Amino acid sequence: MTKSELIQRLAEHNPHLYQRDVELIVTAIFDEITAALARGDRVELRGFGAFSVKRRDARLGRNPRTGDSVHVDEKHIPFFKTGKQLRDRLNAGS
């Protein structure tokens, strides 16, 4: 599901809201999650999951095409861990 599909579906389920208002709400939520992660905070949505940032140390990598050693800088990677309710719901059909 893309962001525009999410907005469309939410607008259909909430006919009392204008689609542009739904778009502003979804964008505000995503922006707030992004800002919190950029600050190094953890974002937990109970029953859904938690977003956090993991740090990868700098290392010496290898260029697969040439085989040369390459320095890879430290990176911060977004990480999502599903909540128990979401996992249970996904696995209920199996």
Protein backbone atom coordinates (compact mmCIF):
# COMPACT_ATOMS: atom_id res chain seq x y z
CA MET A 1 0.00 0.00 0.00
CA THR A 2 1.36 3.40 -0.96
CA LYS A 3 0.87 6.64 0.94
CA SER A 4 -1.70 7.85 -1.62
CA GLU A 5 -3.61 4.54 -1.33
CA LEU A 6 -3.64 4.92 2.46
CA ILE A 7 -4.99 8.46 2.16
CA GLN A 8 -7.65 7.32 -0.30
CA ARG A 9 -8.77 4.45 1.93
CA LEU A 10 -8.92 6.65 5.04
CA ALA A 11 -10.92 9.27 3.12
CA GLU A 12 -13.40 6.58 2.00
CA HIS A 13 -13.83 5.34 5.58
CA ASN A 14 -14.28 8.90 6.89
CA PRO A 15 -16.65 10.65 4.47
CA HIS A 16 -17.08 13.55 6.91
CA LEU A 17 -13.44 14.56 6.27
CA TYR A 18 -12.12 16.16 3.11
CA GLN A 19 -9.42 14.16 1.33
CA ARG A 20 -7.00 17.10 1.61
CA ASP A 21 -7.49 17.08 5.40
CA VAL A 22 -6.80 13.33 5.55
CA GLU A 23 -3.65 13.94 3.48
CA LEU A 24 -2.51 16.64 5.94
CA ILE A 25 -3.12 14.29 8.89
CA VAL A 26 -1.20 11.37 7.34
CA THR A 27 1.66 13.66 6.31
CA ALA A 28 1.80 15.18 9.81
CA ILE A 29 2.00 11.73 11.41
CA PHE A 30 4.79 10.59 9.08
CA ASP A 31 6.68 13.86 9.56
CA GLU A 32 6.44 13.55 13.34
CA ILE A 33 7.72 9.95 13.29
CA THR A 34 10.58 11.02 11.01
CA ALA A 35 11.48 13.98 13.25
CA ALA A 36 11.47 11.79 16.36
CA LEU A 37 13.78 9.24 14.71
CA ALA A 38 16.08 12.03 13.51
CA ARG A 39 16.37 13.18 17.16
CA GLY A 40 17.28 9.62 18.14
CA ASP A 41 13.96 8.97 19.89
CA ARG A 42 12.02 5.72 19.75
CA VAL A 43 8.42 5.79 18.47
CA GLU A 44 6.10 3.13 19.86
CA LEU A 45 2.58 2.56 18.55
CA ARG A 46 1.02 0.08 20.98
CA GLY A 47 -0.26 -3.05 19.27
CA PHE A 48 1.37 -2.07 15.96
CA GLY A 49 5.10 -1.82 16.59
CA ALA A 50 8.06 0.37 17.41
CA PHE A 51 10.35 2.44 15.22
CA SER A 52 13.92 3.03 16.35
CA VAL A 53 17.32 3.89 14.91
CA LYS A 54 20.20 1.44 14.93
CA ARG A 55 23.81 2.51 14.49
CA ARG A 56 26.19 0.61 12.25
CA ASP A 57 29.87 1.14 12.93
CA ALA A 58 32.31 2.24 10.26
CA ARG A 59 33.99 -0.73 8.64
CA LEU A 60 36.19 -1.87 5.83
CA GLY A 61 34.05 -3.22 2.98
CA ARG A 62 34.85 -4.71 -0.41
CA ASN A 63 33.86 -3.52 -3.88
CA PRO A 64 32.26 -6.63 -5.40
CA ARG A 65 33.15 -5.59 -8.96
CA THR A 66 36.87 -4.89 -8.46
CA GLY A 67 37.60 -6.65 -5.17
CA ASP A 68 39.24 -3.47 -3.79
CA SER A 69 38.85 -2.60 -0.11
CA VAL A 70 36.56 0.37 0.51
CA HIS A 71 35.99 2.39 3.70
CA VAL A 72 32.29 2.40 4.67
CA ASP A 73 31.26 5.25 6.99
CA GLU A 74 29.17 4.86 10.12
CA LYS A 75 25.45 4.73 9.34
CA HIS A 76 22.18 5.17 11.20
CA ILE A 77 19.51 2.77 9.97
CA PRO A 78 15.77 2.99 10.71
CA PHE A 79 14.46 -0.20 12.30
CA PHE A 80 10.89 -1.44 12.84
CA LYS A 81 9.89 -4.15 15.28
CA THR A 82 6.32 -5.42 15.06
CA GLY A 83 4.10 -5.41 18.11
CA LYS A 84 2.61 -8.58 19.57
CA GLN A 85 -0.96 -7.77 18.45
CA LEU A 86 0.17 -7.21 14.86
CA ARG A 87 2.20 -10.44 14.81
CA ASP A 88 -0.73 -12.38 16.27
CA ARG A 89 -3.14 -10.93 13.73
CA LEU A 90 -0.82 -11.73 10.82
CA ASN A 91 -0.30 -15.29 11.98
CA ALA A 92 -3.95 -16.01 12.89
CA GLY A 93 -4.71 -17.25 9.35
CA SER A 94 -1.88 -19.76 9.19
